[in-house]
Each structure stands twice: as structure tokens, then as C-alpha cells.
Protein backbone atom coordinates (compact mmCIF):
# COMPACT_ATOMS: atom_id res chain seq x y z
CA MET A 1 -35.39 -17.48 -26.70
CA ALA A 2 -36.24 -17.56 -22.99
CA ARG A 3 -32.65 -18.26 -22.05
CA VAL A 4 -31.36 -15.62 -24.46
CA SER A 5 -33.55 -12.77 -23.16
CA ASN A 6 -32.97 -13.65 -19.50
CA GLY A 7 -29.25 -14.09 -20.15
CA MET A 8 -29.02 -10.68 -21.84
CA ILE A 9 -30.78 -9.00 -18.91
CA VAL A 10 -28.39 -10.71 -16.46
CA ALA A 11 -25.32 -9.61 -18.47
CA LEU A 12 -26.55 -6.02 -18.88
CA ASN A 13 -27.34 -5.71 -15.19
CA ILE A 14 -23.95 -7.09 -14.13
CA LEU A 15 -22.37 -4.35 -16.25
CA THR A 16 -24.66 -1.71 -14.73
CA LEU A 17 -23.91 -3.02 -11.23
CA VAL A 18 -20.17 -2.60 -11.82
CA MET A 19 -20.79 0.99 -12.95
CA ALA A 20 -22.91 1.63 -9.84
CA ILE A 21 -20.23 0.29 -7.50
CA SER A 22 -17.63 2.45 -9.28
CA ALA A 23 -19.77 5.58 -8.85
CA ILE A 24 -20.33 4.86 -5.14
CA GLY A 25 -16.61 4.13 -4.74
CA TYR A 26 -15.65 7.50 -6.22
CA SER A 27 -18.17 9.23 -3.97
CA VAL A 28 -16.69 7.54 -0.87
CA TRP A 29 -13.19 8.45 -2.07
CA PHE A 30 -14.22 12.12 -2.28
CA ASN A 31 -15.45 11.84 1.34
CA VAL A 32 -12.22 10.41 2.79
CA LYS A 33 -9.70 12.59 0.92
CA PRO A 34 -9.20 16.36 1.27
CA GLU A 35 -11.73 17.81 -1.15
CA SER A 36 -12.03 21.05 -3.05
CA PRO A 37 -15.34 22.86 -3.62
CA CYS A 38 -15.25 21.52 -7.17
CA GLN A 39 -15.11 17.93 -5.96
CA LYS A 40 -17.98 18.55 -3.52
CA VAL A 41 -20.20 19.22 -6.54
CA LEU A 42 -19.58 15.67 -7.79
CA LYS A 43 -19.87 13.85 -4.46
CA THR A 44 -23.63 13.83 -3.89
CA PRO A 45 -24.73 13.20 -7.52
CA LEU A 46 -22.30 10.26 -7.78
CA LEU A 47 -23.66 8.73 -4.57
CA VAL A 48 -27.31 9.18 -5.61
CA VAL A 49 -26.80 7.89 -9.15
CA GLY A 50 -24.64 5.00 -7.95
CA GLY A 51 -27.18 3.98 -5.29
CA ALA A 52 -30.12 4.17 -7.71
CA LEU A 53 -28.26 2.15 -10.35
CA MET A 54 -27.34 -0.49 -7.77
CA VAL A 55 -30.94 -0.97 -6.61
CA VAL A 56 -32.31 -1.15 -10.17
CA SER A 57 -29.52 -3.46 -11.33
CA LEU A 58 -30.02 -5.86 -8.42
CA ALA A 59 -33.77 -5.93 -9.10
CA GLY A 60 -33.19 -6.76 -12.78
CA LEU A 61 -30.40 -9.23 -12.00
CA VAL A 62 -32.27 -11.21 -9.35
CA GLY A 63 -35.59 -10.97 -11.22
CA SER A 64 -34.17 -12.36 -14.45
CA TYR A 65 -31.80 -14.94 -12.97
CA CYS A 66 -34.19 -16.29 -10.33
CA ARG A 67 -37.25 -15.68 -12.54
CA ILE A 68 -39.00 -13.49 -9.95
CA SER A 69 -41.64 -11.61 -11.93
CA ILE A 70 -42.38 -8.93 -9.30
CA LEU A 71 -38.76 -7.74 -9.41
CA LEU A 72 -38.84 -7.66 -13.20
CA TRP A 73 -42.04 -5.61 -13.03
CA MET A 74 -40.24 -3.10 -10.78
CA TYR A 75 -37.23 -3.12 -13.10
CA LEU A 76 -39.33 -2.48 -16.20
CA PHE A 77 -41.31 0.25 -14.45
CA VAL A 78 -38.10 2.11 -13.57
CA LEU A 79 -36.83 1.67 -17.15
CA PHE A 80 -40.11 3.08 -18.46
CA LEU A 81 -39.72 6.13 -16.18
CA LEU A 82 -36.13 6.49 -17.40
CA ILE A 83 -37.30 6.49 -21.02
CA LEU A 84 -39.83 9.24 -20.23
CA CYS A 85 -37.18 11.27 -18.36
CA LEU A 86 -34.70 10.93 -21.23
CA ILE A 87 -37.31 12.15 -23.73
CA CYS A 88 -38.29 15.11 -21.54
CA PHE A 89 -34.67 16.05 -20.75
CA THR A 90 -33.65 15.85 -24.42
CA VAL A 91 -36.51 18.14 -25.47
CA PHE A 92 -35.69 20.49 -22.57
CA THR A 93 -32.00 20.56 -23.56
CA ILE A 94 -32.86 21.48 -27.15
CA ILE A 95 -35.16 24.29 -25.94
CA VAL A 96 -32.74 25.91 -23.47
CA THR A 97 -29.83 25.78 -25.93
CA ASN A 98 -31.84 27.32 -28.76
CA LYS A 99 -30.20 30.61 -29.68
CA GLY A 100 -33.54 32.13 -30.64
CA VAL A 101 -34.89 31.75 -27.10
CA GLY A 102 -32.47 34.26 -25.60
CA ILE A 103 -33.44 37.91 -25.19
CA ALA A 104 -30.73 40.55 -25.64
CA LEU A 105 -29.84 41.69 -22.14
CA SER A 106 -26.26 42.84 -22.53
CA ARG A 107 -23.78 43.94 -25.18
CA ARG A 108 -20.85 42.49 -23.30
CA GLY A 109 -19.55 39.09 -24.34
CA VAL A 110 -16.79 37.15 -26.03
CA GLY A 111 -16.38 37.45 -29.78
CA ASP A 112 -19.81 37.14 -31.34
CA HIS A 113 -21.34 35.76 -28.14
CA ARG A 114 -23.39 37.84 -25.69
CA LEU A 115 -25.29 37.00 -22.53
CA GLY A 116 -28.49 37.66 -24.44
CA ASP A 117 -27.68 34.84 -26.85
CA TYR A 118 -28.68 32.34 -24.18
CA SER A 119 -32.05 31.39 -22.71
CA GLY A 120 -33.15 33.10 -19.51
CA TRP A 121 -33.26 29.75 -17.67
CA LEU A 122 -29.67 28.92 -18.62
CA GLN A 123 -28.47 32.35 -17.51
CA LYS A 124 -30.36 32.16 -14.22
CA TYR A 125 -29.15 28.64 -13.48
CA VAL A 126 -25.45 29.24 -14.26
CA ILE A 127 -24.97 32.84 -13.15
CA ASN A 128 -26.70 32.69 -9.75
CA ALA A 129 -24.30 33.23 -6.84
CA GLN A 130 -24.14 29.66 -5.50
CA ASN A 131 -23.69 27.87 -8.83
CA TRP A 132 -21.26 30.43 -10.18
CA ASN A 133 -19.03 30.13 -7.09
CA GLU A 134 -18.87 26.36 -7.64
CA ILE A 135 -18.11 26.79 -11.34
CA LYS A 136 -15.45 29.37 -10.54
CA SER A 137 -13.80 27.06 -7.99
CA CYS A 138 -13.65 24.32 -10.65
CA LEU A 139 -12.01 26.68 -13.15
CA VAL A 140 -9.40 27.58 -10.52
CA ASP A 141 -8.88 23.91 -9.49
CA VAL A 142 -8.17 22.74 -13.03
CA LYS A 143 -5.75 25.67 -13.46
CA LEU A 144 -7.59 26.83 -16.54
CA CYS A 145 -5.47 29.94 -17.05
CA ALA A 146 -2.22 27.97 -17.01
CA ASN A 147 -3.18 26.95 -20.58
CA ILE A 148 -3.05 30.49 -21.89
CA HIS A 149 0.05 31.28 -23.96
CA ALA A 150 2.73 33.24 -22.10
CA GLY A 151 5.39 35.43 -23.67
CA LYS A 152 5.74 38.87 -25.20
CA VAL A 153 2.70 40.88 -26.22
CA GLU A 154 3.46 40.33 -29.91
CA ASP A 155 3.52 36.56 -29.42
CA PHE A 156 0.41 36.64 -27.23
CA TYR A 157 -1.83 38.11 -29.92
CA LYS A 158 -0.50 35.74 -32.59
CA HIS A 159 -2.12 32.76 -30.87
CA ASN A 160 -5.80 31.98 -31.11
CA VAL A 161 -7.25 32.04 -27.60
CA SER A 162 -10.36 30.00 -26.91
CA PRO A 163 -13.47 31.93 -25.76
CA ILE A 164 -13.24 30.64 -22.19
CA LEU A 165 -9.55 31.55 -21.88
CA SER A 166 -10.19 34.95 -23.43
CA GLY A 167 -13.21 35.62 -21.21
CA CYS A 168 -11.85 34.38 -17.87
CA CYS A 169 -8.05 34.72 -18.00
CA LYS A 170 -7.55 38.19 -19.48
CA PRO A 171 -9.38 41.49 -19.34
CA PRO A 172 -11.58 42.37 -22.35
CA SER A 173 -9.51 43.90 -25.14
CA TYR A 174 -11.72 46.99 -25.29
CA CYS A 175 -10.67 47.94 -21.74
CA GLY A 176 -7.27 49.04 -23.00
CA LEU A 177 -5.29 47.55 -20.09
CA GLU A 178 -1.52 47.30 -20.53
CA PHE A 179 -0.02 43.84 -21.10
CA LYS A 180 2.70 42.64 -18.73
CA ASN A 181 2.24 38.90 -19.20
CA ALA A 182 -0.61 36.57 -20.17
CA THR A 183 -2.38 36.89 -16.82
CA TYR A 184 -0.99 40.18 -15.52
CA TRP A 185 -2.34 43.44 -16.90
CA THR A 186 -2.14 46.95 -15.47
CA MET A 187 -4.65 49.76 -15.60
CA PRO A 188 -3.48 52.90 -17.48
CA LYS A 189 -3.21 56.06 -15.39
CA THR A 190 -6.07 57.52 -17.40
CA GLY A 191 -8.29 54.57 -16.46
CA PRO A 192 -10.02 52.03 -18.72
CA ALA A 193 -10.73 52.94 -22.33
CA VAL A 194 -14.45 52.31 -21.83
CA PRO A 195 -16.64 52.59 -18.68
CA ASP A 196 -17.40 48.87 -18.56
CA PRO A 197 -17.75 46.99 -15.23
CA ASP A 198 -15.59 44.12 -16.52
CA CYS A 199 -12.64 46.50 -16.83
CA LYS A 200 -12.78 47.25 -13.10
CA THR A 201 -13.61 43.67 -12.15
CA TRP A 202 -10.29 42.40 -13.54
CA SER A 203 -7.77 41.43 -10.84
CA ASN A 204 -4.14 40.35 -11.10
CA VAL A 205 -4.70 37.93 -8.21
CA GLN A 206 -4.32 34.57 -9.96
CA LYS A 207 -7.36 33.02 -8.26
CA GLU A 208 -9.57 35.95 -9.27
CA LEU A 209 -8.46 37.31 -12.68
CA CYS A 210 -11.67 37.87 -14.66
CA PHE A 211 -13.70 35.01 -13.14
CA GLU A 212 -16.36 37.49 -11.98
CA CYS A 213 -16.53 39.24 -15.36
CA ASP A 214 -19.58 39.01 -17.59
CA SER A 215 -17.20 37.98 -20.37
CA CYS A 216 -16.20 34.88 -18.37
CA LYS A 217 -19.81 33.99 -17.59
CA THR A 218 -20.68 34.35 -21.26
CA ALA A 219 -17.80 32.08 -22.25
CA VAL A 220 -18.92 29.42 -19.75
CA LEU A 221 -22.49 29.67 -21.08
CA HIS A 222 -21.12 29.21 -24.59
CA ASN A 223 -19.30 26.01 -23.52
CA ILE A 224 -22.36 24.69 -21.66
CA LYS A 225 -24.59 25.39 -24.64
CA ARG A 226 -22.25 23.48 -26.95
CA GLU A 227 -21.87 20.56 -24.51
CA TRP A 228 -25.60 20.33 -23.83
CA ARG A 229 -26.30 20.07 -27.55
CA LEU A 230 -23.83 17.18 -27.66
CA LEU A 231 -25.55 15.75 -24.58
CA ALA A 232 -28.89 15.84 -26.43
CA LEU A 233 -27.39 13.65 -29.17
CA ILE A 234 -25.91 11.28 -26.58
CA ASN A 235 -29.29 11.11 -24.84
CA ILE A 236 -30.93 10.02 -28.09
CA CYS A 237 -28.39 7.18 -28.39
CA ILE A 238 -28.95 6.20 -24.74
CA LEU A 239 -32.70 6.30 -25.34
CA VAL A 240 -32.35 3.77 -28.17
CA VAL A 241 -30.24 1.48 -25.94
CA VAL A 242 -32.64 1.76 -22.97
CA ALA A 243 -35.63 1.08 -25.25
CA PHE A 244 -33.83 -2.05 -26.49
CA ILE A 245 -33.13 -3.18 -22.90
CA TYR A 246 -36.77 -2.48 -22.03
CA SER A 247 -38.02 -4.69 -24.86
CA VAL A 248 -35.60 -7.48 -23.85
CA GLY A 249 -36.86 -7.13 -20.28
CA CYS A 250 -40.44 -7.47 -21.50
CA CYS A 251 -39.45 -10.68 -23.27
CA ALA A 252 -37.79 -11.96 -20.08
CA LEU A 253 -40.92 -11.13 -18.06
CA ARG A 254 -43.14 -12.92 -20.58
CA ASN A 255 -40.82 -15.93 -20.48
CA ASN A 256 -41.05 -15.98 -16.69
CA ARG A 257 -44.83 -15.96 -16.86
CA ASN A 258 -44.91 -18.69 -19.55
CA GLY A 259 -42.51 -20.80 -17.49
CA TYR A 260 -44.71 -20.34 -14.43
CA VAL A 261 -47.84 -21.37 -16.38
CA LYS A 262 -46.08 -24.49 -17.72
CA HIS A 263 -44.92 -25.33 -14.21
CA ILE A 264 -48.49 -25.05 -12.87
CA GLY A 265 -49.73 -27.20 -15.77
CA HIS A 266 -47.30 -29.97 -14.91
CA VAL A 267 -48.31 -29.82 -11.27
């Protein structure tokens, strides 16, 4: 049993160490190549996560392989903190993506979705100037609006457009703008059909379009809400795995102590 638990910890930490080196490698790659604002968002988190994983993995690897109890204590302490963080983050994710938490602040949105359908924290975090500029740069970098169907106006409305494409790549339908192509719309001489800020925010400049519209921000919030709910489920699975690793680590630590006691007894 001693060999099994220590062997499992060694194998798991080798895998984690490979992941850590990969994360650091990607971060370094982002530093040496021409980067976009979207890639800058990933650079620092990858470096921090990769560095932390490397330190923890080395502690678990050396502690289990060389039977150094102090390193295993450090390893288990970090795992315990990780378990607590995963529990807290999962609960937090469920709270901020709860539709009932939002307070109706606006009637503008995409489909059945409105800004008020989302918690105040989520709105404040996503829609603040700095974060929104980074999100917008990512949407431009991935050429989001190239995915919208082009063609005649009759063909355009036959296709189902996703909320994020509808919110960010075309003006809101209630504005009454005239269709030229999927991402080029003109304002009628009489002006927009309704006095809504989104109607005037629309731009035919391909890097601007409706990325500053409330409809686009609402669509992004809708995607984040959906993805965070999925993340909460993934976190629960990760929590089970980390709890299993923690218990194996406890067995390895106990085996180290028993081995040390036997060694002292023989001496």
C-alpha cells in the first residue's frame, strides 16, 4: 500500500508538472511573439498558474519519491487550500449566475435577455471600461462577425442568428436601419425608429459595429452566465478529483512516517 500511494502521488505530480511547463511555455510564447490585447489577457494568468503548479508539483513529487515528510505537509496544505477555494468559487459562481439575483435596470437586450437579468456583480465586472475593452478586442481578434450569414436581406432573416452575433454584429432590429449586407446598415433619413442609444452607437466600421451597444454587452453576459454554470459543474468534478488526490497524499504521508518509525526502531 505504501508503494501504491507514493507511486500514485509521483505519477499525478509528473502529469501536473507537464501541464505547468506547458502553461509557462505558452506564456513565454505570448511574450516573444507580436501580441494582441486579447492575448495579453492570457499571458499573466498562464504564468502565475503555471508557476504555482510547478512549485506544488515539485513539492509533491520530491516529497513522495524521496519520502520527505515536510514537503508532503506543504503539498497537502496547498491541496487543502485548493479544496476550500474550489468550494467557495463554486458557491460564488452559482450565486452570481442566479437569474433571480439580478435587478431590472434596462429594457434593452437580446431576445428575452436584458441587462437586469444578471447579477450586479457580473454586470459591474464585465461592463466596466477596462474589462469591456479587453473583451471587445478578443471579439474583434477572433473575427466574430465573419460568422454571420451574408447575402440578401431575405436570406439573412431566414437564418437563426446566435444572441452574441445578433447583439454585437448588427444593429437592434427595433432601430429600423436599412440592410445593405450582414454587417453594413444605413440610417434612414428620418432617423432611427426608436430613440434608443444603441441605434446611434451602431457603426459600419468593421472593428466597431455594435461592440459598444448594450445589446452586445447583454449577449456577452448571457454567454458568460451559461459558461460559468458549466464551470460550476466542472469545478465539482475537479473537487472530487482533488479530494481523492488529497486522501492519497495523506496515505503517502502516513506511510512516510511509518517508514521513518520502523527505520528508527531498527537503528
